[in-house]
Amino acid sequence: MGTLVDNITHYYHFVNDDLADPRTNSFPLVSNPLPIIAIMYVYHRFVRSWGPAFMANRPPYNLKKTIICYNVVQIFLSIYLAMQCLTRLYLPGYYSLWCQKIIYEDTPLERVVVSRVWLYYVIKIIDLLDTVFFVLRKKYSQISFLHVYHHLGMCILGFIGTKYVPGGHGIMLGFINSMVHAVMYSYYLISIVRPQWVRHWWKKYITQLQILQFLLLILHFGHVLFEPSCEYPKWISFMFLPHNIFILFLFSDFYIKEYILKKNRTKAK
């Protein structure tokens, strides 16, 4: 029994400490997986059980001002991260779009890179508030399997990316996702501040933008597997690709049902 415990302990330290990038392994919410596991567990239980039970005999909360502030912060952070990637990494040619290995040298710019990777990970945790607001406003129809799975999946990938591969080829995920989120949260902000400005087709094209995002990321991580000269860790592609392919399927399924089949049924009537 003692040997089994020793082996498990040794394996845990190997995965959690030896394989981790020392530049980020001491960052908050990164040094071990227990905090993010606890956050994800509480989130899931709250949106699926505790929250609806708490709201059962209560009227929906008026969170308009809170959500406005939340959306403004999200827009600012998304634009900030996208511009950091564009102006510091891609436009100057410091990072390659085709294949970018992780740079482990301790330079001022790489310190910025790993700190922004950690910030992106923290933003994925903050994103969980989307669902919390739905629960507190009794918008239960918005809490789909796609919505919850996507948020939880991004937390896991954010943790893995920050702990083990902060930088390199994976930066493109944060860049594209930040641009999409800037558009998405701008739509949310307008819909709550000036709902009369919103047009029905906006949501349709935002969904198309999200689908395009996952297609680009599948291509971005997929080609690494077939590029022998690419020094970016291939195990990351094996981990990220199934998630992105599954999310692409879920978003495509939602799009077909919501904007194609529903439209055809409406015409038939």
C-alpha atoms as a PDB file:
ATOM      1  CA  MET A   1       0.000   0.000   0.000  1.00  0.00           C
ATOM      2  CA  GLY A   2       2.857   2.305   0.873  1.00  0.00           C
ATOM      3  CA  THR A   3       4.496   1.675  -2.500  1.00  0.00           C
ATOM      4  CA  LEU A   4       1.252   2.480  -4.317  1.00  0.00           C
ATOM      5  CA  VAL A   5       0.894   5.780  -2.436  1.00  0.00           C
ATOM      6  CA  ASP A   6       4.560   6.593  -3.121  1.00  0.00           C
ATOM      7  CA  ASN A   7       4.095   5.894  -6.835  1.00  0.00           C
ATOM      8  CA  ILE A   8       0.980   8.061  -7.019  1.00  0.00           C
ATOM      9  CA  THR A   9       2.748  10.860  -5.140  1.00  0.00           C
ATOM     10  CA  HIS A  10       5.794  10.592  -7.385  1.00  0.00           C
ATOM     11  CA  TYR A  11       3.636  10.640 -10.528  1.00  0.00           C
ATOM     12  CA  TYR A  12       1.662  13.641  -9.251  1.00  0.00           C
ATOM     13  CA  HIS A  13       4.844  15.644  -8.601  1.00  0.00           C
ATOM     14  CA  PHE A  14       6.204  14.608 -12.000  1.00  0.00           C
ATOM     15  CA  VAL A  15       3.102  15.841 -13.840  1.00  0.00           C
ATOM     16  CA  ASN A  16       2.390  18.844 -11.627  1.00  0.00           C
ATOM     17  CA  ASP A  17       5.941  20.110 -11.078  1.00  0.00           C
ATOM     18  CA  ASP A  18       8.524  18.480 -13.348  1.00  0.00           C
ATOM     19  CA  LEU A  19       6.547  18.830 -16.593  1.00  0.00           C
ATOM     20  CA  ALA A  20       5.227  22.301 -15.786  1.00  0.00           C
ATOM     21  CA  ASP A  21       6.784  25.491 -17.113  1.00  0.00           C
ATOM     22  CA  PRO A  22       8.659  27.021 -14.150  1.00  0.00           C
ATOM     23  CA  ARG A  23       7.848  30.535 -15.369  1.00  0.00           C
ATOM     24  CA  THR A  24       4.144  30.152 -14.644  1.00  0.00           C
ATOM     25  CA  ASN A  25       3.965  27.224 -12.228  1.00  0.00           C
ATOM     26  CA  SER A  26       3.969  29.523  -9.202  1.00  0.00           C
ATOM     27  CA  PHE A  27       1.240  31.825 -10.560  1.00  0.00           C
ATOM     28  CA  PRO A  28      -2.117  31.962  -8.726  1.00  0.00           C
ATOM     29  CA  LEU A  29      -4.534  29.211  -9.830  1.00  0.00           C
ATOM     30  CA  VAL A  30      -1.700  27.413 -11.659  1.00  0.00           C
ATOM     31  CA  SER A  31       0.581  25.820  -9.044  1.00  0.00           C
ATOM     32  CA  ASN A  32      -1.781  22.852  -8.593  1.00  0.00           C
ATOM     33  CA  PRO A  33      -5.081  21.761 -10.201  1.00  0.00           C
ATOM     34  CA  LEU A  34      -7.198  21.757  -7.032  1.00  0.00           C
ATOM     35  CA  PRO A  35      -8.336  25.435  -7.174  1.00  0.00           C
ATOM     36  CA  ILE A  36      -9.566  25.243 -10.774  1.00  0.00           C
ATOM     37  CA  ILE A  37     -11.190  21.847 -10.127  1.00  0.00           C
ATOM     38  CA  ALA A  38     -13.000  23.346  -7.119  1.00  0.00           C
ATOM     39  CA  ILE A  39     -14.106  26.391  -9.147  1.00  0.00           C
ATOM     40  CA  MET A  40     -15.413  24.197 -11.954  1.00  0.00           C
ATOM     41  CA  TYR A  41     -17.232  21.893  -9.537  1.00  0.00           C
ATOM     42  CA  VAL A  42     -18.937  24.780  -7.708  1.00  0.00           C
ATOM     43  CA  TYR A  43     -19.827  26.402 -11.047  1.00  0.00           C
ATOM     44  CA  HIS A  44     -21.390  23.224 -12.412  1.00  0.00           C
ATOM     45  CA  ARG A  45     -23.345  22.474  -9.253  1.00  0.00           C
ATOM     46  CA  PHE A  46     -24.546  26.070  -8.998  1.00  0.00           C
ATOM     47  CA  VAL A  47     -25.818  26.377 -12.572  1.00  0.00           C
ATOM     48  CA  ARG A  48     -27.335  22.886 -12.651  1.00  0.00           C
ATOM     49  CA  SER A  49     -28.676  22.499  -9.121  1.00  0.00           C
ATOM     50  CA  TRP A  50     -27.909  24.960  -6.346  1.00  0.00           C
ATOM     51  CA  GLY A  51     -28.728  28.108  -8.316  1.00  0.00           C
ATOM     52  CA  PRO A  52     -32.127  27.021  -9.709  1.00  0.00           C
ATOM     53  CA  ALA A  53     -33.087  25.697  -6.267  1.00  0.00           C
ATOM     54  CA  PHE A  54     -32.095  29.011  -4.657  1.00  0.00           C
ATOM     55  CA  MET A  55     -34.107  30.970  -7.255  1.00  0.00           C
ATOM     56  CA  ALA A  56     -37.163  28.681  -7.184  1.00  0.00           C
ATOM     57  CA  ASN A  57     -39.289  30.961  -4.979  1.00  0.00           C
ATOM     58  CA  ARG A  58     -37.537  34.230  -5.774  1.00  0.00           C
ATOM     59  CA  PRO A  59     -38.150  36.744  -8.570  1.00  0.00           C
ATOM     60  CA  PRO A  60     -35.350  37.289 -11.121  1.00  0.00           C
ATOM     61  CA  TYR A  61     -32.668  39.696  -9.964  1.00  0.00           C
ATOM     62  CA  ASN A  62     -32.262  42.987 -11.797  1.00  0.00           C
ATOM     63  CA  LEU A  63     -28.583  42.841 -12.747  1.00  0.00           C
ATOM     64  CA  LYS A  64     -28.602  45.384 -15.556  1.00  0.00           C
ATOM     65  CA  LYS A  65     -25.934  47.682 -14.094  1.00  0.00           C
ATOM     66  CA  THR A  66     -23.768  44.751 -13.044  1.00  0.00           C
ATOM     67  CA  ILE A  67     -23.970  43.156 -16.480  1.00  0.00           C
ATOM     68  CA  ILE A  68     -23.213  46.461 -18.217  1.00  0.00           C
ATOM     69  CA  CYS A  69     -20.026  46.836 -16.131  1.00  0.00           C
ATOM     70  CA  TYR A  70     -19.164  43.182 -16.723  1.00  0.00           C
ATOM     71  CA  ASN A  71     -19.555  43.524 -20.502  1.00  0.00           C
ATOM     72  CA  VAL A  72     -17.464  46.712 -20.598  1.00  0.00           C
ATOM     73  CA  VAL A  73     -14.661  44.966 -18.684  1.00  0.00           C
ATOM     74  CA  GLN A  74     -14.855  41.954 -20.995  1.00  0.00           C
ATOM     75  CA  ILE A  75     -14.699  44.136 -24.113  1.00  0.00           C
ATOM     76  CA  PHE A  76     -11.713  46.052 -22.746  1.00  0.00           C
ATOM     77  CA  LEU A  77      -9.799  42.896 -21.747  1.00  0.00           C
ATOM     78  CA  SER A  78     -10.551  41.162 -25.069  1.00  0.00           C
ATOM     79  CA  ILE A  79      -9.386  44.136 -27.147  1.00  0.00           C
ATOM     80  CA  TYR A  80      -6.347  44.555 -24.914  1.00  0.00           C
ATOM     81  CA  LEU A  81      -5.214  40.938 -25.331  1.00  0.00           C
ATOM     82  CA  ALA A  82      -5.892  40.932 -29.081  1.00  0.00           C
ATOM     83  CA  MET A  83      -3.882  44.130 -29.546  1.00  0.00           C
ATOM     84  CA  GLN A  84      -1.036  42.774 -27.392  1.00  0.00           C
ATOM     85  CA  CYS A  85      -0.798  39.716 -29.668  1.00  0.00           C
ATOM     86  CA  LEU A  86      -1.029  41.790 -32.820  1.00  0.00           C
ATOM     87  CA  THR A  87       1.356  44.646 -31.954  1.00  0.00           C
ATOM     88  CA  ARG A  88       3.947  42.746 -29.903  1.00  0.00           C
ATOM     89  CA  LEU A  89       4.059  39.333 -31.600  1.00  0.00           C
ATOM     90  CA  TYR A  90       2.564  39.027 -35.077  1.00  0.00           C
ATOM     91  CA  LEU A  91       2.994  42.397 -36.807  1.00  0.00           C
ATOM     92  CA  PRO A  92       6.667  42.772 -35.760  1.00  0.00           C
ATOM     93  CA  GLY A  93       7.283  39.207 -37.000  1.00  0.00           C
ATOM     94  CA  TYR A  94       8.451  37.994 -33.586  1.00  0.00           C
ATOM     95  CA  TYR A  95       5.946  35.118 -33.777  1.00  0.00           C
ATOM     96  CA  SER A  96       5.321  33.020 -36.878  1.00  0.00           C
ATOM     97  CA  LEU A  97       1.741  32.395 -37.997  1.00  0.00           C
ATOM     98  CA  TRP A  98       2.649  29.035 -39.527  1.00  0.00           C
ATOM     99  CA  CYS A  99       4.523  27.398 -36.675  1.00  0.00           C
ATOM    100  CA  GLN A 100       5.825  28.983 -33.519  1.00  0.00           C
ATOM    101  CA  LYS A 101       7.867  27.078 -30.964  1.00  0.00           C
ATOM    102  CA  ILE A 102       7.755  28.056 -27.308  1.00  0.00           C
ATOM    103  CA  ILE A 103      10.558  30.488 -26.449  1.00  0.00           C
ATOM    104  CA  TYR A 104      11.970  29.713 -23.012  1.00  0.00           C
ATOM    105  CA  GLU A 105      14.569  32.492 -22.869  1.00  0.00           C
ATOM    106  CA  ASP A 106      14.025  34.903 -19.980  1.00  0.00           C
ATOM    107  CA  THR A 107      13.517  38.110 -21.928  1.00  0.00           C
ATOM    108  CA  PRO A 108      11.289  41.119 -21.119  1.00  0.00           C
ATOM    109  CA  LEU A 109       8.985  40.275 -24.032  1.00  0.00           C
ATOM    110  CA  GLU A 110       8.638  36.621 -23.029  1.00  0.00           C
ATOM    111  CA  ARG A 111       7.792  37.714 -19.489  1.00  0.00           C
ATOM    112  CA  VAL A 112       4.993  39.760 -21.036  1.00  0.00           C
ATOM    113  CA  VAL A 113       3.868  36.742 -23.090  1.00  0.00           C
ATOM    114  CA  VAL A 114       3.564  34.390 -20.107  1.00  0.00           C
ATOM    115  CA  SER A 115       1.811  37.046 -18.002  1.00  0.00           C
ATOM    116  CA  ARG A 116      -0.744  37.633 -20.785  1.00  0.00           C
ATOM    117  CA  VAL A 117      -1.282  33.880 -21.139  1.00  0.00           C
ATOM    118  CA  TRP A 118      -2.080  33.771 -17.429  1.00  0.00           C
ATOM    119  CA  LEU A 119      -4.418  36.768 -17.811  1.00  0.00           C
ATOM    120  CA  TYR A 120      -6.266  34.962 -20.623  1.00  0.00           C
ATOM    121  CA  TYR A 121      -6.681  31.938 -18.346  1.00  0.00           C
ATOM    122  CA  VAL A 122      -8.106  34.137 -15.574  1.00  0.00           C
ATOM    123  CA  ILE A 123     -10.533  35.704 -18.072  1.00  0.00           C
ATOM    124  CA  LYS A 124     -11.825  32.208 -18.939  1.00  0.00           C
ATOM    125  CA  ILE A 125     -12.630  31.793 -15.244  1.00  0.00           C
ATOM    126  CA  ILE A 126     -14.338  35.193 -15.148  1.00  0.00           C
ATOM    127  CA  ASP A 127     -16.388  34.076 -18.174  1.00  0.00           C
ATOM    128  CA  LEU A 128     -18.184  31.632 -15.880  1.00  0.00           C
ATOM    129  CA  LEU A 129     -20.151  34.602 -14.555  1.00  0.00           C
ATOM    130  CA  ASP A 130     -22.111  34.551 -17.838  1.00  0.00           C
ATOM    131  CA  THR A 131     -23.981  31.488 -16.628  1.00  0.00           C
ATOM    132  CA  VAL A 132     -24.299  32.726 -13.059  1.00  0.00           C
ATOM    133  CA  PHE A 133     -26.097  35.806 -14.388  1.00  0.00           C
ATOM    134  CA  PHE A 134     -28.439  33.571 -16.413  1.00  0.00           C
ATOM    135  CA  VAL A 135     -29.358  31.656 -13.260  1.00  0.00           C
ATOM    136  CA  LEU A 136     -29.917  34.768 -11.140  1.00  0.00           C
ATOM    137  CA  ARG A 137     -32.088  36.258 -13.910  1.00  0.00           C
ATOM    138  CA  LYS A 138     -33.920  32.942 -14.417  1.00  0.00           C
ATOM    139  CA  LYS A 139     -32.840  32.712 -18.054  1.00  0.00           C
ATOM    140  CA  TYR A 140     -32.606  28.934 -17.819  1.00  0.00           C
ATOM    141  CA  SER A 141     -33.211  28.388 -21.532  1.00  0.00           C
ATOM    142  CA  GLN A 142     -29.784  29.957 -22.189  1.00  0.00           C
ATOM    143  CA  ILE A 143     -28.006  27.358 -20.038  1.00  0.00           C
ATOM    144  CA  SER A 144     -27.560  24.664 -22.673  1.00  0.00           C
ATOM    145  CA  PHE A 145     -25.126  21.747 -22.683  1.00  0.00           C
ATOM    146  CA  LEU A 146     -23.109  23.654 -25.316  1.00  0.00           C
ATOM    147  CA  HIS A 147     -22.890  26.741 -23.102  1.00  0.00           C
ATOM    148  CA  VAL A 148     -21.769  24.894 -19.954  1.00  0.00           C
ATOM    149  CA  TYR A 149     -19.420  22.493 -21.751  1.00  0.00           C
ATOM    150  CA  HIS A 150     -17.743  25.339 -23.628  1.00  0.00           C
ATOM    151  CA  HIS A 151     -17.071  27.326 -20.450  1.00  0.00           C
ATOM    152  CA  LEU A 152     -15.749  24.324 -18.529  1.00  0.00           C
ATOM    153  CA  GLY A 153     -13.622  23.203 -21.471  1.00  0.00           C
ATOM    154  CA  MET A 154     -12.009  26.620 -21.811  1.00  0.00           C
ATOM    155  CA  CYS A 155     -11.117  26.615 -18.106  1.00  0.00           C
ATOM    156  CA  ILE A 156      -9.372  23.248 -18.466  1.00  0.00           C
ATOM    157  CA  LEU A 157      -7.524  24.270 -21.633  1.00  0.00           C
ATOM    158  CA  GLY A 158      -6.608  27.603 -20.051  1.00  0.00           C
ATOM    159  CA  PHE A 159      -5.073  25.811 -17.077  1.00  0.00           C
ATOM    160  CA  ILE A 160      -3.134  23.365 -19.269  1.00  0.00           C
ATOM    161  CA  GLY A 161      -1.937  26.080 -21.637  1.00  0.00           C
ATOM    162  CA  THR A 162      -0.768  28.342 -18.803  1.00  0.00           C
ATOM    163  CA  LYS A 163       0.878  25.613 -16.744  1.00  0.00           C
ATOM    164  CA  TYR A 164       2.649  23.663 -19.480  1.00  0.00           C
ATOM    165  CA  VAL A 165       2.896  25.673 -22.724  1.00  0.00           C
ATOM    166  CA  PRO A 166       2.584  29.416 -22.033  1.00  0.00           C
ATOM    167  CA  GLY A 167       3.412  30.877 -25.420  1.00  0.00           C
ATOM    168  CA  GLY A 168       4.328  29.679 -28.870  1.00  0.00           C
ATOM    169  CA  HIS A 169       1.792  28.353 -31.357  1.00  0.00           C
ATOM    170  CA  GLY A 170      -1.049  28.319 -28.828  1.00  0.00           C
ATOM    171  CA  ILE A 171      -1.044  32.120 -28.578  1.00  0.00           C
ATOM    172  CA  MET A 172      -3.156  32.173 -31.740  1.00  0.00           C
ATOM    173  CA  LEU A 173      -6.039  30.610 -29.804  1.00  0.00           C
ATOM    174  CA  GLY A 174      -6.071  33.525 -27.377  1.00  0.00           C
ATOM    175  CA  PHE A 175      -5.714  36.040 -30.206  1.00  0.00           C
ATOM    176  CA  ILE A 176      -8.626  34.736 -32.276  1.00  0.00           C
ATOM    177  CA  ASN A 177     -10.821  34.036 -29.258  1.00  0.00           C
ATOM    178  CA  SER A 178     -10.213  37.523 -27.842  1.00  0.00           C
ATOM    179  CA  MET A 179     -11.277  39.158 -31.110  1.00  0.00           C
ATOM    180  CA  VAL A 180     -14.445  37.054 -31.227  1.00  0.00           C
ATOM    181  CA  HIS A 181     -15.220  37.863 -27.598  1.00  0.00           C
ATOM    182  CA  ALA A 182     -14.765  41.580 -28.231  1.00  0.00           C
ATOM    183  CA  VAL A 183     -17.492  41.362 -30.881  1.00  0.00           C
ATOM    184  CA  MET A 184     -19.684  39.072 -28.793  1.00  0.00           C
ATOM    185  CA  TYR A 185     -19.615  41.166 -25.633  1.00  0.00           C
ATOM    186  CA  SER A 186     -20.173  44.322 -27.669  1.00  0.00           C
ATOM    187  CA  TYR A 187     -23.364  42.705 -28.926  1.00  0.00           C
ATOM    188  CA  TYR A 188     -24.368  41.815 -25.362  1.00  0.00           C
ATOM    189  CA  LEU A 189     -23.682  45.367 -24.220  1.00  0.00           C
ATOM    190  CA  ILE A 190     -25.766  46.914 -26.991  1.00  0.00           C
ATOM    191  CA  SER A 191     -28.594  44.440 -26.424  1.00  0.00           C
ATOM    192  CA  ILE A 192     -28.942  45.486 -22.788  1.00  0.00           C
ATOM    193  CA  VAL A 193     -28.203  49.228 -23.146  1.00  0.00           C
ATOM    194  CA  ARG A 194     -29.928  49.914 -26.468  1.00  0.00           C
ATOM    195  CA  PRO A 195     -32.079  46.848 -27.265  1.00  0.00           C
ATOM    196  CA  GLN A 196     -33.932  48.810 -29.956  1.00  0.00           C
ATOM    197  CA  TRP A 197     -30.701  48.919 -31.985  1.00  0.00           C
ATOM    198  CA  VAL A 198     -30.347  45.129 -32.085  1.00  0.00           C
ATOM    199  CA  ARG A 199     -31.219  43.345 -35.297  1.00  0.00           C
ATOM    200  CA  HIS A 200     -32.151  39.668 -35.401  1.00  0.00           C
ATOM    201  CA  TRP A 201     -29.454  38.831 -37.947  1.00  0.00           C
ATOM    202  CA  TRP A 202     -26.666  40.074 -35.648  1.00  0.00           C
ATOM    203  CA  LYS A 203     -26.865  36.947 -33.517  1.00  0.00           C
ATOM    204  CA  LYS A 204     -26.812  34.743 -36.606  1.00  0.00           C
ATOM    205  CA  TYR A 205     -23.580  36.278 -37.866  1.00  0.00           C
ATOM    206  CA  ILE A 206     -21.980  36.153 -34.437  1.00  0.00           C
ATOM    207  CA  THR A 207     -22.683  32.403 -34.411  1.00  0.00           C
ATOM    208  CA  GLN A 208     -21.089  32.172 -37.870  1.00  0.00           C
ATOM    209  CA  LEU A 209     -18.075  34.054 -36.506  1.00  0.00           C
ATOM    210  CA  GLN A 210     -17.776  31.556 -33.654  1.00  0.00           C
ATOM    211  CA  ILE A 211     -17.956  28.636 -36.086  1.00  0.00           C
ATOM    212  CA  LEU A 212     -15.248  30.272 -38.236  1.00  0.00           C
ATOM    213  CA  GLN A 213     -13.143  30.649 -35.097  1.00  0.00           C
ATOM    214  CA  PHE A 214     -13.191  26.912 -34.403  1.00  0.00           C
ATOM    215  CA  LEU A 215     -12.483  26.055 -38.031  1.00  0.00           C
ATOM    216  CA  LEU A 216      -9.402  28.308 -37.976  1.00  0.00           C
ATOM    217  CA  LEU A 217      -8.207  26.836 -34.685  1.00  0.00           C
ATOM    218  CA  ILE A 218      -8.646  23.273 -35.956  1.00  0.00           C
ATOM    219  CA  LEU A 219      -6.499  24.153 -38.972  1.00  0.00           C
ATOM    220  CA  HIS A 220      -4.014  26.035 -36.797  1.00  0.00           C
ATOM    221  CA  PHE A 221      -3.430  23.176 -34.355  1.00  0.00           C
ATOM    222  CA  GLY A 222      -4.034  20.401 -36.877  1.00  0.00           C
ATOM    223  CA  HIS A 223      -1.281  21.279 -39.323  1.00  0.00           C
ATOM    224  CA  VAL A 224       1.306  21.028 -36.527  1.00  0.00           C
ATOM    225  CA  LEU A 225       0.767  17.248 -36.546  1.00  0.00           C
ATOM    226  CA  PHE A 226       1.813  17.049 -40.205  1.00  0.00           C
ATOM    227  CA  GLU A 227       4.726  19.487 -40.033  1.00  0.00           C
ATOM    228  CA  PRO A 228       7.816  17.513 -38.908  1.00  0.00           C
ATOM    229  CA  SER A 229       9.952  20.643 -38.611  1.00  0.00           C
ATOM    230  CA  CYS A 230       7.513  22.331 -36.239  1.00  0.00           C
ATOM    231  CA  GLU A 231       8.963  22.334 -32.722  1.00  0.00           C
ATOM    232  CA  TYR A 232       5.694  23.123 -30.949  1.00  0.00           C
ATOM    233  CA  PRO A 233       4.666  20.156 -28.706  1.00  0.00           C
ATOM    234  CA  LYS A 234       2.381  17.888 -30.704  1.00  0.00           C
ATOM    235  CA  TRP A 235       0.668  16.505 -27.602  1.00  0.00           C
ATOM    236  CA  ILE A 236      -1.023  19.879 -27.214  1.00  0.00           C
ATOM    237  CA  SER A 237      -2.638  19.461 -30.630  1.00  0.00           C
ATOM    238  CA  PHE A 238      -3.850  15.983 -29.664  1.00  0.00           C
ATOM    239  CA  MET A 239      -5.443  17.532 -26.579  1.00  0.00           C
ATOM    240  CA  PHE A 240      -6.859  20.726 -28.103  1.00  0.00           C
ATOM    241  CA  LEU A 241      -8.164  19.290 -31.374  1.00  0.00           C
ATOM    242  CA  PRO A 242     -10.849  16.935 -29.973  1.00  0.00           C
ATOM    243  CA  HIS A 243     -12.271  19.790 -27.884  1.00  0.00           C
ATOM    244  CA  ASN A 244     -12.370  22.193 -30.833  1.00  0.00           C
ATOM    245  CA  ILE A 245     -13.846  19.579 -33.176  1.00  0.00           C
ATOM    246  CA  PHE A 246     -16.568  18.714 -30.658  1.00  0.00           C
ATOM    247  CA  ILE A 247     -17.342  22.390 -30.022  1.00  0.00           C
ATOM    248  CA  LEU A 248     -17.473  22.992 -33.783  1.00  0.00           C
ATOM    249  CA  PHE A 249     -19.988  20.159 -34.073  1.00  0.00           C
ATOM    250  CA  LEU A 250     -22.124  21.580 -31.240  1.00  0.00           C
ATOM    251  CA  PHE A 251     -22.094  25.122 -32.636  1.00  0.00           C
ATOM    252  CA  SER A 252     -22.841  23.868 -36.150  1.00  0.00           C
ATOM    253  CA  ASP A 253     -25.702  21.748 -34.838  1.00  0.00           C
ATOM    254  CA  PHE A 254     -27.106  24.780 -32.981  1.00  0.00           C
ATOM    255  CA  TYR A 255     -26.748  26.950 -36.100  1.00  0.00           C
ATOM    256  CA  ILE A 256     -28.529  24.443 -38.345  1.00  0.00           C
ATOM    257  CA  LYS A 257     -31.408  23.994 -35.910  1.00  0.00           C
ATOM    258  CA  GLU A 258     -31.768  27.682 -35.061  1.00  0.00           C
ATOM    259  CA  TYR A 259     -31.204  29.415 -38.400  1.00  0.00           C
ATOM    260  CA  ILE A 260     -31.866  26.834 -41.119  1.00  0.00           C
ATOM    261  CA  LEU A 261     -34.391  24.241 -39.930  1.00  0.00           C
ATOM    262  CA  LYS A 262     -36.422  26.743 -37.902  1.00  0.00           C
ATOM    263  CA  LYS A 263     -36.491  29.121 -40.866  1.00  0.00           C
ATOM    264  CA  ASN A 264     -37.668  26.344 -43.201  1.00  0.00           C
ATOM    265  CA  ARG A 265     -40.403  25.332 -40.759  1.00  0.00           C
ATOM    266  CA  THR A 266     -41.555  28.955 -40.526  1.00  0.00           C
ATOM    267  CA  LYS A 267     -41.748  29.195 -44.330  1.00  0.00           C
ATOM    268  CA  ALA A 268     -43.674  25.929 -44.520  1.00  0.00           C
ATOM    269  CA  LYS A 269     -46.346  27.350 -42.234  1.00  0.00           C
END
